[in-house]
Amino acid sequence: MGLVTPYLPYMRQDAQFREGEAVSALAYARYLSGCVDWVATVDPHLHRIRALEEIFAIPALCATSMPSISQWIGANVVRPIIIGPDSESGQWVKPVATALGVPWATLKKQRTGDRQVAVSLPEAGILDGRSPVIVDDIASSGRTLAEAAMALRSLGSLPVTCVVVHALLDVSAESELRAAGVAQLISTNTIEHSSNGIDIVPVLALQVRAMLQGTSDNA
């Protein structure tokens, strides 16, 4: 028996940041490893943990939404430039920009609290009349995306589009993004949200089917 979970929760707590905290990514992986035979997900949060194989004792399949995101941007944004709001987002931004054959850049982020975030200004020249598309894996408070959008708009950029894989935003966070200059917010449907506009079910189903067929062939 396997578990298909498009969004794999608890992965963001991948280290002990304060004394007494549990590293939930490790605890959750151990728990699931004792409950199911395999797990499949979409673009898990991997930062200090480089691969799910490091923490899972069962096969862990990772499907990626980046080709689907690239297709959406290519069909809906004219002359895009792909922007990562922090250094971690490079793993998402680079493949999207490469697939589209467009420029990309990542900003630098400094977090001083759960909702206190500051990002660096990009070089104004990289915008060059292009439409900025901020791409990230998870949006919850929305502060990182909002700060990135304000930084871009302060340079006179064209309207900003935000594309995220996993949308955990509430209504107030969405309002903050609009106020920060985000003209369009799009997410995949790993989590049901009003911003869903990119379907990852076919990609995930294809990966799971291939794994199951391989398991069957080797049985």
Protein backbone atom coordinates (compact mmCIF):
# COMPACT_ATOMS: atom_id res chain seq x y z
CA MET A 1 0.00 0.00 0.00
CA GLY A 2 1.34 3.38 -0.99
CA LEU A 3 0.53 7.00 -0.14
CA VAL A 4 0.03 9.63 -2.84
CA THR A 5 0.25 13.06 -1.18
CA PRO A 6 0.73 15.90 -3.69
CA TYR A 7 1.83 18.17 -0.84
CA LEU A 8 4.12 16.54 1.70
CA PRO A 9 3.65 18.45 4.97
CA TYR A 10 6.14 18.98 7.78
CA MET A 11 9.13 19.17 5.43
CA ARG A 12 9.85 22.85 6.14
CA GLN A 13 11.00 22.07 9.69
CA ASP A 14 14.19 20.38 8.52
CA ALA A 15 16.41 21.53 11.38
CA GLN A 16 16.17 22.54 15.03
CA PHE A 17 16.05 26.32 15.01
CA ARG A 18 15.29 26.71 18.73
CA GLU A 19 16.11 24.52 21.70
CA GLY A 20 13.44 21.90 22.30
CA GLU A 21 11.98 21.95 18.79
CA ALA A 22 11.29 18.67 17.03
CA VAL A 23 12.65 18.22 13.52
CA SER A 24 9.26 17.37 12.07
CA ALA A 25 10.59 16.38 8.64
CA LEU A 26 12.54 13.50 10.20
CA ALA A 27 9.78 12.47 12.61
CA TYR A 28 7.11 12.48 9.90
CA ALA A 29 9.30 10.50 7.49
CA ARG A 30 9.95 7.84 10.12
CA TYR A 31 6.24 7.65 10.92
CA LEU A 32 5.19 7.26 7.29
CA SER A 33 7.95 4.73 6.65
CA GLY A 34 6.28 2.47 9.21
CA CYS A 35 2.77 2.94 7.81
CA VAL A 36 3.01 2.53 4.03
CA ASP A 37 5.20 0.75 1.49
CA TRP A 38 5.98 3.80 -0.61
CA VAL A 39 5.14 7.49 -0.86
CA ALA A 40 4.71 9.79 -3.86
CA THR A 41 4.63 13.57 -3.78
CA VAL A 42 5.20 16.70 -5.86
CA ASP A 43 8.17 19.05 -5.41
CA PRO A 44 8.82 18.51 -1.69
CA HIS A 45 10.60 21.23 0.27
CA LEU A 46 14.25 20.17 0.06
CA HIS A 47 16.83 22.50 1.54
CA ARG A 48 18.97 21.10 4.32
CA ILE A 49 17.63 17.67 3.38
CA ARG A 50 18.80 17.13 -0.18
CA ALA A 51 16.67 14.10 -1.10
CA LEU A 52 13.78 12.19 0.43
CA GLU A 53 15.92 9.05 0.40
CA GLU A 54 17.94 10.60 3.22
CA ILE A 55 15.00 10.45 5.64
CA PHE A 56 12.59 7.81 4.29
CA ALA A 57 13.15 4.08 4.78
CA ILE A 58 10.73 3.30 1.93
CA PRO A 59 10.73 4.27 -1.76
CA ALA A 60 9.89 7.97 -2.07
CA LEU A 61 8.86 9.24 -5.49
CA CYS A 62 9.15 12.94 -6.35
CA ALA A 63 7.24 14.23 -9.35
CA THR A 64 8.02 17.76 -10.50
CA SER A 65 5.58 20.44 -11.58
CA MET A 66 8.24 22.55 -13.28
CA PRO A 67 7.41 21.43 -16.86
CA SER A 68 3.72 22.20 -16.23
CA ILE A 69 4.61 25.58 -14.75
CA SER A 70 6.88 26.32 -17.72
CA GLN A 71 4.04 25.50 -20.13
CA TRP A 72 1.64 27.79 -18.26
CA ILE A 73 4.07 30.70 -18.24
CA GLY A 74 4.90 30.21 -21.91
CA ALA A 75 1.21 30.29 -22.81
CA ASN A 76 0.17 33.18 -20.56
CA VAL A 77 3.06 35.62 -20.05
CA VAL A 78 4.68 37.69 -22.80
CA ARG A 79 8.48 38.04 -22.62
CA PRO A 80 8.86 36.66 -19.09
CA ILE A 81 11.86 36.83 -16.81
CA ILE A 82 11.80 34.21 -14.05
CA ILE A 83 12.59 35.51 -10.57
CA GLY A 84 13.37 33.49 -7.46
CA PRO A 85 12.56 35.33 -4.20
CA ASP A 86 15.53 33.74 -2.38
CA SER A 87 18.56 31.52 -2.98
CA GLU A 88 16.59 28.34 -2.19
CA SER A 89 14.26 29.01 -5.11
CA GLY A 90 17.05 28.58 -7.64
CA GLN A 91 16.20 24.88 -7.88
CA TRP A 92 12.76 25.85 -9.25
CA VAL A 93 13.64 28.98 -11.20
CA LYS A 94 16.51 27.66 -13.28
CA PRO A 95 14.69 24.69 -14.91
CA VAL A 96 11.64 26.82 -15.66
CA ALA A 97 13.73 29.55 -17.30
CA THR A 98 15.83 26.99 -19.18
CA ALA A 99 12.74 25.29 -20.58
CA LEU A 100 11.43 28.64 -21.79
CA GLY A 101 14.78 29.96 -22.99
CA VAL A 102 14.41 33.16 -20.98
CA PRO A 103 16.61 34.95 -18.38
CA TRP A 104 16.32 34.32 -14.66
CA ALA A 105 17.64 35.70 -11.38
CA THR A 106 17.33 35.02 -7.66
CA LEU A 107 17.07 37.61 -4.91
CA LYS A 108 18.60 37.43 -1.44
CA LYS A 109 16.27 37.07 1.55
CA GLN A 110 16.77 37.93 5.19
CA ARG A 111 14.13 36.65 7.62
CA THR A 112 13.93 38.22 11.08
CA GLY A 113 10.64 36.62 12.15
CA ASP A 114 7.72 34.51 10.93
CA ARG A 115 6.27 37.49 9.07
CA GLN A 116 9.29 39.80 8.91
CA VAL A 117 11.17 39.37 5.65
CA ALA A 118 13.42 41.61 3.58
CA VAL A 119 14.76 40.87 0.10
CA SER A 120 17.49 42.47 -1.96
CA LEU A 121 16.78 44.60 -5.00
CA PRO A 122 17.60 42.96 -8.34
CA GLU A 123 19.71 44.73 -10.92
CA ALA A 124 17.35 47.01 -12.81
CA GLY A 125 18.93 46.07 -16.14
CA ILE A 126 17.81 42.46 -15.96
CA LEU A 127 14.17 43.46 -16.31
CA ASP A 128 14.72 45.04 -19.75
CA GLY A 129 11.02 45.39 -20.53
CA ARG A 130 10.28 41.82 -19.52
CA SER A 131 7.35 40.64 -17.40
CA PRO A 132 8.62 39.35 -14.04
CA VAL A 133 7.32 35.97 -12.92
CA ILE A 134 8.19 35.02 -9.34
CA VAL A 135 8.39 31.23 -8.96
CA ASP A 136 8.57 29.47 -5.59
CA ASP A 137 7.60 26.14 -4.07
CA ILE A 138 5.53 27.19 -1.05
CA ALA A 139 3.57 30.32 -0.16
CA SER A 140 2.07 30.51 3.34
CA SER A 141 2.33 33.95 4.96
CA GLY A 142 3.11 35.41 1.54
CA ARG A 143 5.64 37.87 2.97
CA THR A 144 8.58 36.66 0.87
CA LEU A 145 6.56 36.93 -2.34
CA ALA A 146 5.20 40.32 -1.32
CA GLU A 147 8.65 41.74 -0.57
CA ALA A 148 9.98 40.40 -3.87
CA ALA A 149 7.08 41.94 -5.77
CA MET A 150 7.58 45.31 -4.08
CA ALA A 151 11.29 45.21 -4.90
CA LEU A 152 10.50 44.59 -8.56
CA ARG A 153 7.81 47.24 -8.74
CA SER A 154 10.11 49.78 -7.09
CA LEU A 155 12.32 49.43 -10.14
CA GLY A 156 9.42 50.19 -12.44
CA SER A 157 8.85 46.61 -13.56
CA LEU A 158 5.87 45.46 -15.58
CA PRO A 159 3.03 43.83 -13.60
CA VAL A 160 4.24 40.92 -11.48
CA THR A 161 2.96 37.36 -11.73
CA CYS A 162 3.52 34.88 -8.89
CA VAL A 163 3.49 31.14 -9.57
CA VAL A 164 3.76 28.75 -6.63
CA VAL A 165 3.59 24.98 -6.37
CA HIS A 166 1.90 24.70 -2.97
CA ALA A 167 -0.50 27.51 -2.02
CA LEU A 168 -1.13 27.67 1.75
CA LEU A 169 -2.23 31.30 1.65
CA ASP A 170 -5.28 32.60 3.48
CA VAL A 171 -7.46 35.47 2.24
CA SER A 172 -5.52 38.15 4.13
CA ALA A 173 -2.21 36.94 2.66
CA GLU A 174 -3.68 37.10 -0.83
CA SER A 175 -4.78 40.68 -0.16
CA GLU A 176 -1.27 41.58 0.97
CA LEU A 177 0.13 40.19 -2.26
CA ARG A 178 -2.27 42.29 -4.33
CA ALA A 179 -1.31 45.38 -2.32
CA ALA A 180 2.37 44.60 -2.92
CA GLY A 181 1.88 44.72 -6.68
CA VAL A 182 1.12 41.12 -7.62
CA ALA A 183 -1.24 41.30 -10.56
CA GLN A 184 -1.73 37.57 -10.92
CA LEU A 185 -1.33 34.65 -8.48
CA ILE A 186 -1.33 31.13 -9.89
CA SER A 187 -0.71 27.83 -8.14
CA THR A 188 -0.77 24.13 -8.94
CA ASN A 189 -3.58 22.02 -7.53
CA THR A 190 -1.47 20.09 -5.02
CA ILE A 191 -3.63 21.91 -2.42
CA GLU A 192 -7.14 23.14 -3.16
CA HIS A 193 -6.96 26.94 -3.37
CA SER A 194 -8.67 29.76 -5.21
CA SER A 195 -5.46 30.41 -7.16
CA ASN A 196 -5.27 26.90 -8.65
CA GLY A 197 -4.59 27.12 -12.37
CA ILE A 198 -2.01 24.44 -13.15
CA ASP A 199 -3.04 20.77 -13.04
CA ILE A 200 -0.31 18.40 -11.83
CA VAL A 201 -2.50 15.28 -11.55
CA PRO A 202 -1.45 13.85 -14.96
CA VAL A 203 2.25 14.32 -14.16
CA LEU A 204 1.93 12.69 -10.74
CA ALA A 205 -0.24 9.85 -12.07
CA LEU A 206 2.27 9.12 -14.82
CA GLN A 207 5.12 8.86 -12.31
CA VAL A 208 3.13 6.63 -9.95
CA ARG A 209 2.03 4.37 -12.79
CA ALA A 210 5.61 3.97 -13.98
CA MET A 211 6.76 3.08 -10.48
CA LEU A 212 3.97 0.55 -9.97
CA GLN A 213 4.67 -1.08 -13.32
CA GLY A 214 8.34 -1.31 -12.44
CA THR A 215 7.48 -2.89 -9.09
CA SER A 216 5.19 -5.36 -10.82
CA ASP A 217 7.82 -6.23 -13.44
CA ASN A 218 10.39 -6.94 -10.74
CA ALA A 219 8.06 -9.02 -8.58
